[in-house]
C-alpha atoms as a PDB file:
ATOM      1  CA  MET A   1      86.272 -52.926 -15.667  1.00  0.00           C
ATOM      2  CA  ILE A   2      86.313 -56.591 -14.181  1.00  0.00           C
ATOM      3  CA  ASN A   3      90.055 -58.915 -15.040  1.00  0.00           C
ATOM      4  CA  SER A   4      90.617 -61.554 -15.897  1.00  0.00           C
ATOM      5  CA  GLU A   5      92.462 -63.171 -13.034  1.00  0.00           C
ATOM      6  CA  THR A   6      88.590 -61.457 -11.149  1.00  0.00           C
ATOM      7  CA  TYR A   7      87.090 -63.755 -13.235  1.00  0.00           C
ATOM      8  CA  SER A   8      89.030 -67.064 -12.901  1.00  0.00           C
ATOM      9  CA  TYR A   9      89.020 -66.490  -9.004  1.00  0.00           C
ATOM     10  CA  PHE A  10      85.632 -66.018  -8.717  1.00  0.00           C
ATOM     11  CA  LEU A  11      84.249 -69.610 -11.064  1.00  0.00           C
ATOM     12  CA  SER A  12      87.134 -71.415  -8.536  1.00  0.00           C
ATOM     13  CA  LEU A  13      85.574 -70.529  -5.238  1.00  0.00           C
ATOM     14  CA  LEU A  14      82.128 -70.953  -7.230  1.00  0.00           C
ATOM     15  CA  ASP A  15      83.434 -74.421  -7.338  1.00  0.00           C
ATOM     16  CA  GLU A  16      84.708 -74.571  -4.339  1.00  0.00           C
ATOM     17  CA  ALA A  17      81.172 -73.489  -2.694  1.00  0.00           C
ATOM     18  CA  GLU A  18      79.167 -77.067  -4.688  1.00  0.00           C
ATOM     19  CA  ARG A  19      82.331 -79.689  -2.792  1.00  0.00           C
ATOM     20  CA  VAL A  20      80.846 -77.745   0.468  1.00  0.00           C
ATOM     21  CA  VAL A  21      77.387 -78.025  -0.404  1.00  0.00           C
ATOM     22  CA  THR A  22      77.762 -81.352  -2.049  1.00  0.00           C
ATOM     23  CA  LYS A  23      80.921 -82.458   0.904  1.00  0.00           C
ATOM     24  CA  ASP A  24      82.774 -83.465  -1.220  1.00  0.00           C
ATOM     25  CA  LYS A  25      85.990 -81.607   0.006  1.00  0.00           C
ATOM     26  CA  LEU A  26      89.241 -84.234  -1.371  1.00  0.00           C
ATOM     27  CA  ALA A  27      86.945 -82.709  -4.411  1.00  0.00           C
ATOM     28  CA  GLU A  28      87.042 -87.030  -5.137  1.00  0.00           C
ATOM     29  CA  LYS A  29      83.627 -86.679  -6.917  1.00  0.00           C
ATOM     30  CA  LEU A  30      83.904 -83.174  -8.400  1.00  0.00           C
ATOM     31  CA  ARG A  31      85.487 -82.562 -10.983  1.00  0.00           C
ATOM     32  CA  VAL A  32      87.758 -79.858 -10.122  1.00  0.00           C
ATOM     33  CA  CYS A  33      89.023 -77.108 -13.640  1.00  0.00           C
ATOM     34  CA  ARG A  34      91.163 -74.327 -14.202  1.00  0.00           C
ATOM     35  CA  TYR A  35      89.152 -71.598 -16.106  1.00  0.00           C
ATOM     36  CA  THR A  36      91.144 -69.361 -18.182  1.00  0.00           C
ATOM     37  CA  VAL A  37      89.261 -65.979 -19.686  1.00  0.00           C
ATOM     38  CA  THR A  38      89.970 -64.478 -22.281  1.00  0.00           C
ATOM     39  CA  PRO A  39      87.653 -60.890 -22.144  1.00  0.00           C
ATOM     40  CA  ILE A  40      86.525 -59.963 -25.404  1.00  0.00           C
ATOM     41  CA  LYS A  41      87.870 -57.869 -27.473  1.00  0.00           C
ATOM     42  CA  GLU A  42      85.020 -55.274 -28.205  1.00  0.00           C
ATOM     43  CA  GLU A  43      84.959 -53.809 -31.761  1.00  0.00           C
ATOM     44  CA  VAL A  44      85.594 -50.474 -32.389  1.00  0.00           C
ATOM     45  CA  LYS A  45      83.795 -48.344 -34.441  1.00  0.00           C
ATOM     46  CA  PRO A  46      85.027 -45.920 -36.630  1.00  0.00           C
ATOM     47  CA  ALA A  47      83.336 -42.326 -36.133  1.00  0.00           C
ATOM     48  CA  PRO A  48      81.572 -41.095 -38.982  1.00  0.00           C
ATOM     49  CA  MET A  49      82.743 -39.227 -41.611  1.00  0.00           C
ATOM     50  CA  ARG A  50      82.470 -35.972 -40.651  1.00  0.00           C
ATOM     51  CA  ALA A  51      81.102 -33.623 -43.403  1.00  0.00           C
ATOM     52  CA  VAL A  52      84.249 -31.955 -45.494  1.00  0.00           C
ATOM     53  CA  GLN A  53      83.414 -28.490 -44.528  1.00  0.00           C
ATOM     54  CA  LYS A  54      84.737 -27.168 -47.336  1.00  0.00           C
ATOM     55  CA  GLY A  55      82.655 -25.284 -50.098  1.00  0.00           C
ATOM     56  CA  ALA A  56      79.769 -26.301 -48.188  1.00  0.00           C
ATOM     57  CA  LEU A  57      78.829 -22.816 -47.769  1.00  0.00           C
ATOM     58  CA  SER A  58      78.063 -20.305 -49.725  1.00  0.00           C
ATOM     59  CA  PRO A  59      80.747 -17.394 -49.998  1.00  0.00           C
ATOM     60  CA  LEU A  60      78.203 -15.000 -48.333  1.00  0.00           C
ATOM     61  CA  ALA A  61      77.855 -17.070 -45.806  1.00  0.00           C
ATOM     62  CA  LEU A  62      81.358 -17.262 -45.297  1.00  0.00           C
ATOM     63  CA  VAL A  63      81.139 -14.001 -45.409  1.00  0.00           C
ATOM     64  CA  ARG A  64      79.580 -14.098 -41.904  1.00  0.00           C
ATOM     65  CA  ASP A  65      80.771 -16.881 -40.660  1.00  0.00           C
ATOM     66  CA  CYS A  66      83.994 -13.900 -40.478  1.00  0.00           C
ATOM     67  CA  TYR A  67      81.768 -11.459 -38.861  1.00  0.00           C
ATOM     68  CA  ILE A  68      80.358 -13.546 -35.984  1.00  0.00           C
ATOM     69  CA  ASN A  69      83.905 -15.025 -34.750  1.00  0.00           C
ATOM     70  CA  CYS A  70      86.133 -11.418 -35.785  1.00  0.00           C
ATOM     71  CA  HIS A  71      86.924 -10.762 -32.071  1.00  0.00           C
ATOM     72  CA  ALA A  72      89.617  -7.561 -33.041  1.00  0.00           C
ATOM     73  CA  CYS A  73      87.614  -5.541 -30.543  1.00  0.00           C
ATOM     74  CA  PRO A  74      85.012  -5.308 -28.303  1.00  0.00           C
ATOM     75  CA  LEU A  75      82.957  -4.088 -30.229  1.00  0.00           C
ATOM     76  CA  TRP A  76      82.154  -7.988 -30.853  1.00  0.00           C
ATOM     77  CA  GLN A  77      79.901  -7.613 -27.947  1.00  0.00           C
ATOM     78  CA  ASN A  78      77.840  -5.290 -29.467  1.00  0.00           C
ATOM     79  CA  ARG A  79      76.550  -8.108 -31.637  1.00  0.00           C
ATOM     80  CA  PRO A  80      72.740 -10.224 -31.598  1.00  0.00           C
ATOM     81  CA  ASP A  81      72.460 -13.697 -32.245  1.00  0.00           C
ATOM     82  CA  ASN A  82      71.980 -14.450 -34.911  1.00  0.00           C
ATOM     83  CA  ASP A  83      72.652 -11.168 -36.437  1.00  0.00           C
ATOM     84  CA  HIS A  84      74.363 -10.437 -40.350  1.00  0.00           C
ATOM     85  CA  PRO A  85      77.184  -8.102 -41.808  1.00  0.00           C
ATOM     86  CA  GLY A  86      74.467  -6.935 -43.885  1.00  0.00           C
ATOM     87  CA  VAL A  87      71.164  -7.611 -45.136  1.00  0.00           C
ATOM     88  CA  GLY A  88      68.557  -8.111 -48.589  1.00  0.00           C
ATOM     89  CA  THR A  89      69.963 -10.464 -51.240  1.00  0.00           C
ATOM     90  CA  ALA A  90      72.028 -12.005 -52.076  1.00  0.00           C
ATOM     91  CA  HIS A  91      72.310 -11.094 -55.687  1.00  0.00           C
ATOM     92  CA  PRO A  92      72.243  -7.021 -55.911  1.00  0.00           C
ATOM     93  CA  LEU A  93      71.978  -5.069 -58.308  1.00  0.00           C
ATOM     94  CA  ILE A  94      73.696  -2.368 -55.982  1.00  0.00           C
ATOM     95  CA  LEU A  95      74.884  -2.869 -52.797  1.00  0.00           C
ATOM     96  CA  PHE A  96      74.582   0.626 -50.043  1.00  0.00           C
ATOM     97  CA  VAL A  97      77.366   1.047 -48.343  1.00  0.00           C
ATOM     98  CA  VAL A  98      76.723   3.130 -45.333  1.00  0.00           C
ATOM     99  CA  ASP A  99      79.406   4.669 -42.169  1.00  0.00           C
ATOM    100  CA  LYS A 100      77.686   1.943 -39.542  1.00  0.00           C
ATOM    101  CA  ARG A 101      75.407   1.300 -37.423  1.00  0.00           C
ATOM    102  CA  LEU A 102      72.868   1.528 -34.610  1.00  0.00           C
ATOM    103  CA  PRO A 103      73.390   0.059 -30.824  1.00  0.00           C
ATOM    104  CA  ASP A 104      69.998  -1.353 -31.420  1.00  0.00           C
ATOM    105  CA  GLY A 105      71.788  -3.226 -34.138  1.00  0.00           C
ATOM    106  CA  SER A 106      69.537  -1.747 -37.427  1.00  0.00           C
ATOM    107  CA  PHE A 107      71.512   0.419 -40.416  1.00  0.00           C
ATOM    108  CA  LEU A 108      69.891   3.053 -40.412  1.00  0.00           C
ATOM    109  CA  SER A 109      67.098   5.279 -38.056  1.00  0.00           C
ATOM    110  CA  LYS A 110      63.346   4.761 -39.044  1.00  0.00           C
ATOM    111  CA  PRO A 111      63.189   7.897 -40.991  1.00  0.00           C
ATOM    112  CA  ASP A 112      66.526   7.513 -42.661  1.00  0.00           C
ATOM    113  CA  MET A 113      65.244   4.164 -44.095  1.00  0.00           C
ATOM    114  CA  ALA A 114      62.403   5.532 -45.085  1.00  0.00           C
ATOM    115  CA  TYR A 115      64.225   8.353 -47.156  1.00  0.00           C
ATOM    116  CA  LEU A 116      66.528   5.246 -48.703  1.00  0.00           C
ATOM    117  CA  GLU A 117      63.734   3.870 -49.600  1.00  0.00           C
ATOM    118  CA  SER A 118      62.829   6.433 -51.866  1.00  0.00           C
ATOM    119  CA  TRP A 119      65.274   6.194 -53.748  1.00  0.00           C
ATOM    120  CA  ILE A 120      65.052   2.715 -53.949  1.00  0.00           C
ATOM    121  CA  LYS A 121      61.981   3.661 -55.730  1.00  0.00           C
ATOM    122  CA  ALA A 122      62.417   5.899 -58.150  1.00  0.00           C
ATOM    123  CA  LEU A 123      65.964   3.718 -59.237  1.00  0.00           C
ATOM    124  CA  CYS A 124      62.993   1.685 -59.867  1.00  0.00           C
ATOM    125  CA  LEU A 125      63.983  -0.991 -58.321  1.00  0.00           C
ATOM    126  CA  GLU A 126      62.232  -3.475 -55.717  1.00  0.00           C
ATOM    127  CA  LYS A 127      63.905  -3.120 -52.280  1.00  0.00           C
ATOM    128  CA  ASN A 128      63.866  -7.137 -51.581  1.00  0.00           C
ATOM    129  CA  LYS A 129      64.953  -8.803 -54.928  1.00  0.00           C
ATOM    130  CA  GLU A 130      68.031  -6.265 -56.149  1.00  0.00           C
ATOM    131  CA  VAL A 131      69.123  -3.978 -53.015  1.00  0.00           C
ATOM    132  CA  HIS A 132      71.942  -4.907 -50.414  1.00  0.00           C
ATOM    133  CA  LEU A 133      72.677  -2.199 -47.690  1.00  0.00           C
ATOM    134  CA  SER A 134      75.436  -2.691 -45.097  1.00  0.00           C
ATOM    135  CA  SER A 135      78.046  -1.049 -43.226  1.00  0.00           C
ATOM    136  CA  ILE A 136      81.570  -0.328 -43.203  1.00  0.00           C
ATOM    137  CA  ILE A 137      81.758  -0.170 -39.302  1.00  0.00           C
ATOM    138  CA  LYS A 138      80.568  -4.109 -38.622  1.00  0.00           C
ATOM    139  CA  CYS A 139      79.282  -4.358 -34.763  1.00  0.00           C
ATOM    140  CA  PRO A 140      76.538  -1.805 -33.526  1.00  0.00           C
ATOM    141  CA  GLY A 141      77.616   1.547 -31.383  1.00  0.00           C
ATOM    142  CA  GLY A 142      80.427   1.535 -33.324  1.00  0.00           C
ATOM    143  CA  GLN A 143      81.802   5.606 -34.292  1.00  0.00           C
ATOM    144  CA  PHE A 144      84.151   6.068 -36.526  1.00  0.00           C
ATOM    145  CA  GLU A 145      87.633   4.016 -34.840  1.00  0.00           C
ATOM    146  CA  ILE A 146      87.454   1.847 -38.989  1.00  0.00           C
ATOM    147  CA  SER A 147      88.703  -1.950 -37.309  1.00  0.00           C
ATOM    148  CA  GLU A 148      91.087  -3.967 -39.939  1.00  0.00           C
ATOM    149  CA  ASN A 149      88.799  -6.842 -39.858  1.00  0.00           C
ATOM    150  CA  CYS A 150      85.412  -4.157 -39.877  1.00  0.00           C
ATOM    151  CA  VAL A 151      87.298  -3.804 -44.373  1.00  0.00           C
ATOM    152  CA  LYS A 152      88.449  -7.115 -44.976  1.00  0.00           C
ATOM    153  CA  ILE A 153      84.407  -8.909 -43.368  1.00  0.00           C
ATOM    154  CA  PHE A 154      84.057  -5.626 -46.247  1.00  0.00           C
ATOM    155  CA  GLU A 155      85.314  -6.711 -49.003  1.00  0.00           C
ATOM    156  CA  SER A 156      84.922 -10.078 -48.717  1.00  0.00           C
ATOM    157  CA  GLU A 157      81.400 -10.027 -48.027  1.00  0.00           C
ATOM    158  CA  VAL A 158      81.980  -7.236 -51.548  1.00  0.00           C
ATOM    159  CA  ASP A 159      83.692 -10.389 -53.301  1.00  0.00           C
ATOM    160  CA  ALA A 160      80.974 -12.847 -52.333  1.00  0.00           C
ATOM    161  CA  LEU A 161      78.085  -9.774 -53.433  1.00  0.00           C
ATOM    162  CA  LYS A 162      79.093  -9.257 -56.930  1.00  0.00           C
ATOM    163  CA  PRO A 163      76.909  -6.674 -56.961  1.00  0.00           C
ATOM    164  CA  ARG A 164      75.915  -4.568 -60.755  1.00  0.00           C
ATOM    165  CA  ALA A 165      77.047  -1.126 -58.132  1.00  0.00           C
ATOM    166  CA  ILE A 166      77.949  -0.488 -55.050  1.00  0.00           C
ATOM    167  CA  VAL A 167      77.109   3.588 -53.261  1.00  0.00           C
ATOM    168  CA  PHE A 168      79.275   4.904 -50.295  1.00  0.00           C
ATOM    169  CA  LEU A 169      77.050   6.576 -48.223  1.00  0.00           C
ATOM    170  CA  GLY A 170      78.546   9.242 -45.886  1.00  0.00           C
ATOM    171  CA  GLU A 171      82.166   9.573 -44.432  1.00  0.00           C
ATOM    172  CA  ALA A 172      83.351   7.045 -42.613  1.00  0.00           C
ATOM    173  CA  SER A 173      82.327   5.350 -46.691  1.00  0.00           C
ATOM    174  CA  SER A 174      84.101   7.317 -48.410  1.00  0.00           C
ATOM    175  CA  MET A 175      87.655   7.212 -46.840  1.00  0.00           C
ATOM    176  CA  ILE A 176      87.185   3.144 -46.686  1.00  0.00           C
ATOM    177  CA  ALA A 177      87.010   3.825 -51.077  1.00  0.00           C
ATOM    178  CA  THR A 178      88.923   6.959 -51.903  1.00  0.00           C
ATOM    179  CA  GLY A 179      90.710   7.179 -48.999  1.00  0.00           C
ATOM    180  CA  ASN A 180      89.311  10.519 -48.733  1.00  0.00           C
ATOM    181  CA  PRO A 181      85.954  10.969 -46.041  1.00  0.00           C
ATOM    182  CA  ASN A 182      85.432  14.082 -48.318  1.00  0.00           C
ATOM    183  CA  ILE A 183      82.649  14.008 -49.826  1.00  0.00           C
ATOM    184  CA  ASN A 184      82.566  16.711 -52.275  1.00  0.00           C
ATOM    185  CA  GLU A 185      85.643  16.177 -52.991  1.00  0.00           C
ATOM    186  CA  THR A 186      84.617  12.423 -54.244  1.00  0.00           C
ATOM    187  CA  ARG A 187      80.879  12.484 -55.350  1.00  0.00           C
ATOM    188  CA  GLY A 188      79.935  13.079 -58.557  1.00  0.00           C
ATOM    189  CA  GLN A 189      82.348   9.967 -60.882  1.00  0.00           C
ATOM    190  CA  LEU A 190      82.753   7.291 -61.149  1.00  0.00           C
ATOM    191  CA  PHE A 191      85.441   5.015 -59.433  1.00  0.00           C
ATOM    192  CA  ARG A 192      85.798   0.930 -59.015  1.00  0.00           C
ATOM    193  CA  TYR A 193      86.118  -0.431 -55.538  1.00  0.00           C
ATOM    194  CA  ARG A 194      87.318  -3.826 -55.818  1.00  0.00           C
ATOM    195  CA  LYS A 195      86.720  -3.860 -60.064  1.00  0.00           C
ATOM    196  CA  ILE A 196      82.188  -2.937 -59.610  1.00  0.00           C
ATOM    197  CA  PRO A 197      81.843   0.299 -60.345  1.00  0.00           C
ATOM    198  CA  SER A 198      80.915   2.896 -57.499  1.00  0.00           C
ATOM    199  CA  VAL A 199      79.653   6.060 -56.147  1.00  0.00           C
ATOM    200  CA  VAL A 200      80.154   8.143 -53.101  1.00  0.00           C
ATOM    201  CA  THR A 201      77.038  10.773 -52.153  1.00  0.00           C
ATOM    202  CA  PHE A 202      76.006  11.762 -48.465  1.00  0.00           C
ATOM    203  CA  SER A 203      73.664   9.628 -46.409  1.00  0.00           C
ATOM    204  CA  PRO A 204      69.959   9.713 -46.204  1.00  0.00           C
ATOM    205  CA  ALA A 205      71.056  11.620 -42.326  1.00  0.00           C
ATOM    206  CA  MET A 206      72.690  14.146 -44.130  1.00  0.00           C
ATOM    207  CA  VAL A 207      69.783  15.644 -46.806  1.00  0.00           C
ATOM    208  CA  LEU A 208      67.298  15.589 -44.722  1.00  0.00           C
ATOM    209  CA  SER A 209      69.555  17.978 -42.421  1.00  0.00           C
ATOM    210  CA  ASP A 210      70.218  20.113 -45.727  1.00  0.00           C
ATOM    211  CA  GLN A 211      68.016  19.210 -48.671  1.00  0.00           C
ATOM    212  CA  SER A 212      70.419  20.855 -50.491  1.00  0.00           C
ATOM    213  CA  LEU A 213      71.922  18.246 -51.214  1.00  0.00           C
ATOM    214  CA  LYS A 214      68.985  16.439 -52.987  1.00  0.00           C
ATOM    215  CA  ARG A 215      69.929  17.586 -56.269  1.00  0.00           C
ATOM    216  CA  PRO A 216      73.388  16.476 -56.022  1.00  0.00           C
ATOM    217  CA  VAL A 217      72.222  12.836 -54.479  1.00  0.00           C
ATOM    218  CA  TRP A 218      69.990  12.488 -57.472  1.00  0.00           C
ATOM    219  CA  ASP A 219      72.983  12.559 -59.948  1.00  0.00           C
ATOM    220  CA  ASP A 220      74.686  10.229 -57.994  1.00  0.00           C
ATOM    221  CA  LEU A 221      71.972   7.797 -57.671  1.00  0.00           C
ATOM    222  CA  ARG A 222      71.395   8.281 -61.651  1.00  0.00           C
ATOM    223  CA  LEU A 223      74.664   7.339 -61.846  1.00  0.00           C
ATOM    224  CA  ALA A 224      75.150   3.904 -60.055  1.00  0.00           C
ATOM    225  CA  GLY A 225      71.530   3.132 -62.085  1.00  0.00           C
ATOM    226  CA  ASP A 226      73.682   3.902 -65.242  1.00  0.00           C
ATOM    227  CA  ALA A 227      76.431   1.989 -64.436  1.00  0.00           C
ATOM    228  CA  ALA A 228      73.936  -1.007 -62.653  1.00  0.00           C
ATOM    229  CA  ASP A 229      72.391  -1.282 -66.689  1.00  0.00           C
ATOM    230  CA  ILE A 230      68.927  -0.199 -65.445  1.00  0.00           C
ATOM    231  CA  ARG A 231      68.573   3.256 -67.201  1.00  0.00           C
ATOM    232  CA  GLU A 232      66.397   1.662 -69.683  1.00  0.00           C
ATOM    233  CA  ARG A 233      64.226   1.066 -66.534  1.00  0.00           C
ATOM    234  CA  ARG A 234      64.443   4.740 -65.414  1.00  0.00           C
ATOM    235  CA  GLN A 235      63.036   5.510 -68.330  1.00  0.00           C
ATOM    236  CA  ALA A 236      60.278   3.220 -69.260  1.00  0.00           C
ATOM    237  CA  ALA A 237      59.284   4.756 -65.431  1.00  0.00           C
ATOM    238  CA  ARG A 238      58.091   7.151 -66.459  1.00  0.00           C
ATOM    239  CA  ARG A 239      56.997   6.617 -70.428  1.00  0.00           C
END
């Protein structure tokens, strides 16, 4: 930036040049002026206020934000763009929880998902309006090493969703829900996870590989359905 002294010197040179052109070397005809240049201070406008972030996001969006910014283990590199910790309605009657996600980011294989959908239909639930599906191990490609951050994110997710009931599917889910990975010992009973009625049962993959598990799973699903207060809906569907 040009300072005031430089401006003054420049204007003095212009006066000197005019005296030379008019041959008034002694400055008898041209009035000599001394210039003092005072720079104009630029008005500094205050930056526009940013919207207050607190309360700007929904509880479920805050859960997703925590998930996207989690780098507690190398699995974060497997997260696809625009990923979510779970899929489905934000206000579910029942939250289904699987152990882990597949490497492609899906929560279940196509056969397993089709089987789970048959359970949802048998409970007289609408998949897209009344059900949410999530996992204990949040990032795709994980095995059964459950990060503490995964558990924290899942707990926040449950608190945000506030389902009427939770169905834990699989051994890792059973471990987080009850502290015991043995589904044979944890299924068939109603307990509370973060104050929400919950049941543990076998995953769709387990049932597809062992058809003898179909009846125990249906008993567990009915227990969850009753906790979600949809028994009359099922009874009406059978009439």
